[in-house]
Structures are given as C-alpha cells and as structure tokens.
Amino acid sequence: MSDKEEKGKSEIVLRDIQPPENSIRIGKDKWIDLTGLSEEQVKALKQKYAEKMIDIGAKAAEGGVDTEILDKKLGTIAGHTIAIGKEGGSVTITSTSDDSIGRTEVLMGIRSKAAEEGKLSRSQAGLKDLYPLWIGVGIFIIIVIAIIVKMR
C-alpha cells in the first residue's frame, strides 16, 4: 500500500514496510529473506538467531547491572565527599574499576589536594607498580659493583 503526495517538484512516497513471509528480523526495518532455503537451513538459521539474541540480552543485562552499580558507587563517593566538605574537612577519594561498560576512573575531592593532583596514581590507573622492580635492579647493580671492586 502506498500513498503519494506532491510538494513542488519533489515526490514523497509513504510505504508500509512488511517483512517477507519467511524471514528473520535483523534490524528495525531489515529482514533476512529465507525464501528458497531448505527447511533444515531455515531451522539452523533461526536457532543461531535465537542464540545470538540470548547473548545480546545477557550482555545488555550485564551492562545494566554494571551501570547501576557504578551509579550507586559514584553516589556514595560523592555523598561522603560532600559530607566531609560540610564538616570543613579535606578529602580526596580515588576509584578505578573495569567492567562490561569499560574502565571508569574517578577522582573526587574537596579543596587543595584534589585540585592539585587531578590525576590517578599508576596503581589507580591500572598500571603495574614498578617500584619493586627498580629496587631489585638497584640491588643487582650494587652487587655487580661490589664484585668488580673485590676482584681488583
């Protein structure tokens, strides 16, 4: 069914989009036409489609849960930061989390320290702490120097 309206030189055609009789919906107005496939192929495609839809639903649910958790976490951190600020205190709170919605790094604070820092430490940013490695390298260099000195 289509209706036509003319406006100046352009023509607008309105259509009711109907999916093919034997099809799988893959988008708002898109379908895969299964006409011409065997019954086994249609069954296999519909099964795969159902499995993928379940996966999408599970990912959406996981993202929703992670979003709610992040929202509560940020609300709690902000509430504590505000409460400490009202009491005249100074606080800097940092938090880093990785989940299904990605990596979230938060730095909230009151007064000077938060304003001065404005960045996360290596461990807060999820980077390895190299301090023990540098201590080990330093000790190794001292031992090598001691051996060289003793051999002379």
Protein backbone atom coordinates (compact mmCIF):
# COMPACT_ATOMS: atom_id res chain seq x y z
CA MET A 1 0.00 0.00 0.00
CA SER A 2 1.46 3.40 -0.89
CA ASP A 3 0.27 6.98 -0.79
CA LYS A 4 1.78 9.78 -2.83
CA GLU A 5 1.92 13.45 -2.05
CA GLU A 6 3.41 16.06 -4.30
CA LYS A 7 5.14 19.10 -2.86
CA GLY A 8 6.59 21.31 -5.52
CA LYS A 9 8.94 19.28 -7.67
CA SER A 10 9.71 16.56 -5.11
CA GLU A 11 7.64 13.44 -4.62
CA ILE A 12 7.17 11.75 -1.25
CA VAL A 13 6.21 8.08 -1.21
CA LEU A 14 4.96 6.57 2.04
CA ARG A 15 5.06 2.78 2.33
CA ASP A 16 4.16 0.29 4.98
CA ILE A 17 7.24 -1.87 5.26
CA GLN A 18 6.23 -5.50 5.52
CA PRO A 19 8.73 -8.25 6.20
CA PRO A 20 8.95 -11.14 3.78
CA GLU A 21 6.67 -14.01 4.82
CA ASN A 22 9.54 -16.36 5.69
CA SER A 23 12.19 -14.10 7.27
CA ILE A 24 14.31 -13.24 10.30
CA ARG A 25 14.32 -9.68 11.60
CA ILE A 26 17.86 -8.25 11.93
CA GLY A 27 17.14 -4.57 12.50
CA LYS A 28 14.40 -2.00 12.86
CA ASP A 29 13.33 -2.26 9.23
CA LYS A 30 15.60 -5.06 7.97
CA TRP A 31 14.96 -8.73 7.48
CA ILE A 32 16.78 -11.69 6.05
CA ASP A 33 14.55 -13.37 3.47
CA LEU A 34 14.71 -17.13 3.94
CA THR A 35 12.71 -17.93 0.82
CA GLY A 36 14.37 -20.62 -1.25
CA LEU A 37 16.27 -22.23 1.64
CA SER A 38 15.62 -25.78 2.73
CA GLU A 39 13.69 -26.43 5.93
CA GLU A 40 16.92 -27.60 7.63
CA GLN A 41 18.76 -24.40 6.65
CA VAL A 42 15.87 -22.24 7.90
CA LYS A 43 15.79 -24.16 11.19
CA ALA A 44 19.58 -23.80 11.62
CA LEU A 45 19.49 -20.05 10.90
CA LYS A 46 16.57 -19.48 13.28
CA GLN A 47 18.37 -21.43 16.00
CA LYS A 48 21.56 -19.41 15.51
CA TYR A 49 19.49 -16.20 15.53
CA ALA A 50 17.82 -17.21 18.82
CA GLU A 51 21.22 -17.99 20.40
CA LYS A 52 22.62 -14.60 19.33
CA MET A 53 19.55 -12.79 20.66
CA ILE A 54 20.04 -14.53 24.01
CA ASP A 55 23.71 -13.42 24.02
CA ILE A 56 22.69 -9.84 23.24
CA GLY A 57 20.10 -9.91 26.01
CA ALA A 58 22.66 -11.24 28.50
CA LYS A 59 25.18 -8.54 27.56
CA ALA A 60 22.52 -5.85 27.86
CA ALA A 61 21.52 -7.14 31.30
CA GLU A 62 25.16 -7.26 32.44
CA GLY A 63 25.72 -3.71 31.21
CA GLY A 64 22.59 -2.58 33.02
CA VAL A 65 23.72 -4.16 36.28
CA ASP A 66 27.22 -2.66 35.95
CA THR A 67 25.70 0.76 35.21
CA GLU A 68 23.51 0.57 38.31
CA ILE A 69 26.47 -0.48 40.45
CA LEU A 70 28.58 2.39 39.08
CA ASP A 71 25.75 4.85 39.71
CA LYS A 72 25.43 3.74 43.35
CA LYS A 73 29.20 3.77 43.81
CA LEU A 74 29.54 7.30 42.44
CA GLY A 75 26.59 8.45 44.55
CA THR A 76 28.18 7.01 47.67
CA ILE A 77 31.58 8.57 46.94
CA ALA A 78 30.00 11.94 46.16
CA GLY A 79 27.87 11.77 49.32
CA HIS A 80 30.90 11.09 51.52
CA THR A 81 32.91 13.80 49.80
CA ILE A 82 30.13 16.36 50.32
CA ALA A 83 29.62 15.32 53.96
CA ILE A 84 33.32 15.72 54.75
CA GLY A 85 33.38 19.07 52.97
CA LYS A 86 30.41 20.34 55.01
CA GLU A 87 32.29 19.42 58.19
CA GLY A 88 35.22 21.53 56.98
CA GLY A 89 37.47 18.60 56.20
CA SER A 90 39.56 17.93 53.13
CA VAL A 91 39.43 14.63 51.30
CA THR A 92 40.50 13.10 48.01
CA ILE A 93 38.85 9.83 47.00
CA THR A 94 40.04 7.84 44.01
CA SER A 95 38.49 4.77 42.49
CA THR A 96 39.15 2.70 39.38
CA SER A 97 37.02 -0.13 38.07
CA ASP A 98 36.88 -2.31 34.97
CA ASP A 99 33.59 -3.92 33.98
CA SER A 100 31.38 -4.65 30.98
CA ILE A 101 30.82 -0.94 30.29
CA GLY A 102 34.55 -0.20 30.21
CA ARG A 103 37.13 1.34 32.50
CA THR A 104 35.99 4.03 34.92
CA GLU A 105 38.47 6.23 36.76
CA VAL A 106 37.10 8.60 39.40
CA LEU A 107 38.86 11.30 41.38
CA MET A 108 36.68 13.33 43.74
CA GLY A 109 37.89 15.71 46.33
CA ILE A 110 37.45 18.80 48.41
CA ARG A 111 39.90 21.69 48.49
CA SER A 112 43.57 21.78 47.58
CA LYS A 113 44.77 18.19 47.30
CA ALA A 114 42.15 17.12 44.76
CA ALA A 115 42.62 20.28 42.73
CA GLU A 116 46.42 19.95 42.77
CA GLU A 117 46.54 16.25 41.86
CA GLY A 118 43.83 15.92 39.26
CA LYS A 119 45.24 12.57 38.17
CA LEU A 120 45.37 8.98 39.31
CA SER A 121 48.47 7.16 40.55
CA ARG A 122 49.97 4.33 38.50
CA SER A 123 48.20 1.64 40.53
CA GLN A 124 44.89 3.55 40.46
CA ALA A 125 45.20 3.83 36.69
CA GLY A 126 45.62 0.05 36.47
CA LEU A 127 49.33 0.17 35.64
CA LYS A 128 51.90 -2.12 37.23
CA ASP A 129 53.79 -0.85 40.24
CA LEU A 130 57.43 -0.80 39.07
CA TYR A 131 58.87 0.18 42.46
CA PRO A 132 59.86 -3.40 43.47
CA LEU A 133 61.48 -3.91 40.05
CA TRP A 134 63.61 -0.78 40.45
CA ILE A 135 64.67 -1.88 43.95
CA GLY A 136 65.71 -5.27 42.51
CA VAL A 137 67.68 -3.60 39.70
CA GLY A 138 69.38 -1.30 42.22
CA ILE A 139 70.39 -4.22 44.45
CA PHE A 140 71.69 -6.12 41.40
CA ILE A 141 73.82 -3.13 40.33
CA ILE A 142 75.24 -2.77 43.86
CA ILE A 143 76.16 -6.48 43.92
CA VAL A 144 77.84 -6.26 40.49
CA ILE A 145 79.82 -3.18 41.58
CA ALA A 146 80.84 -4.95 44.83
CA ILE A 147 82.08 -7.99 42.86
CA ILE A 148 84.05 -5.81 40.45
CA VAL A 149 85.65 -3.86 43.32
CA LYS A 150 86.52 -7.07 45.22
CA MET A 151 88.17 -8.60 42.11
CA ARG A 152 90.64 -5.70 41.77
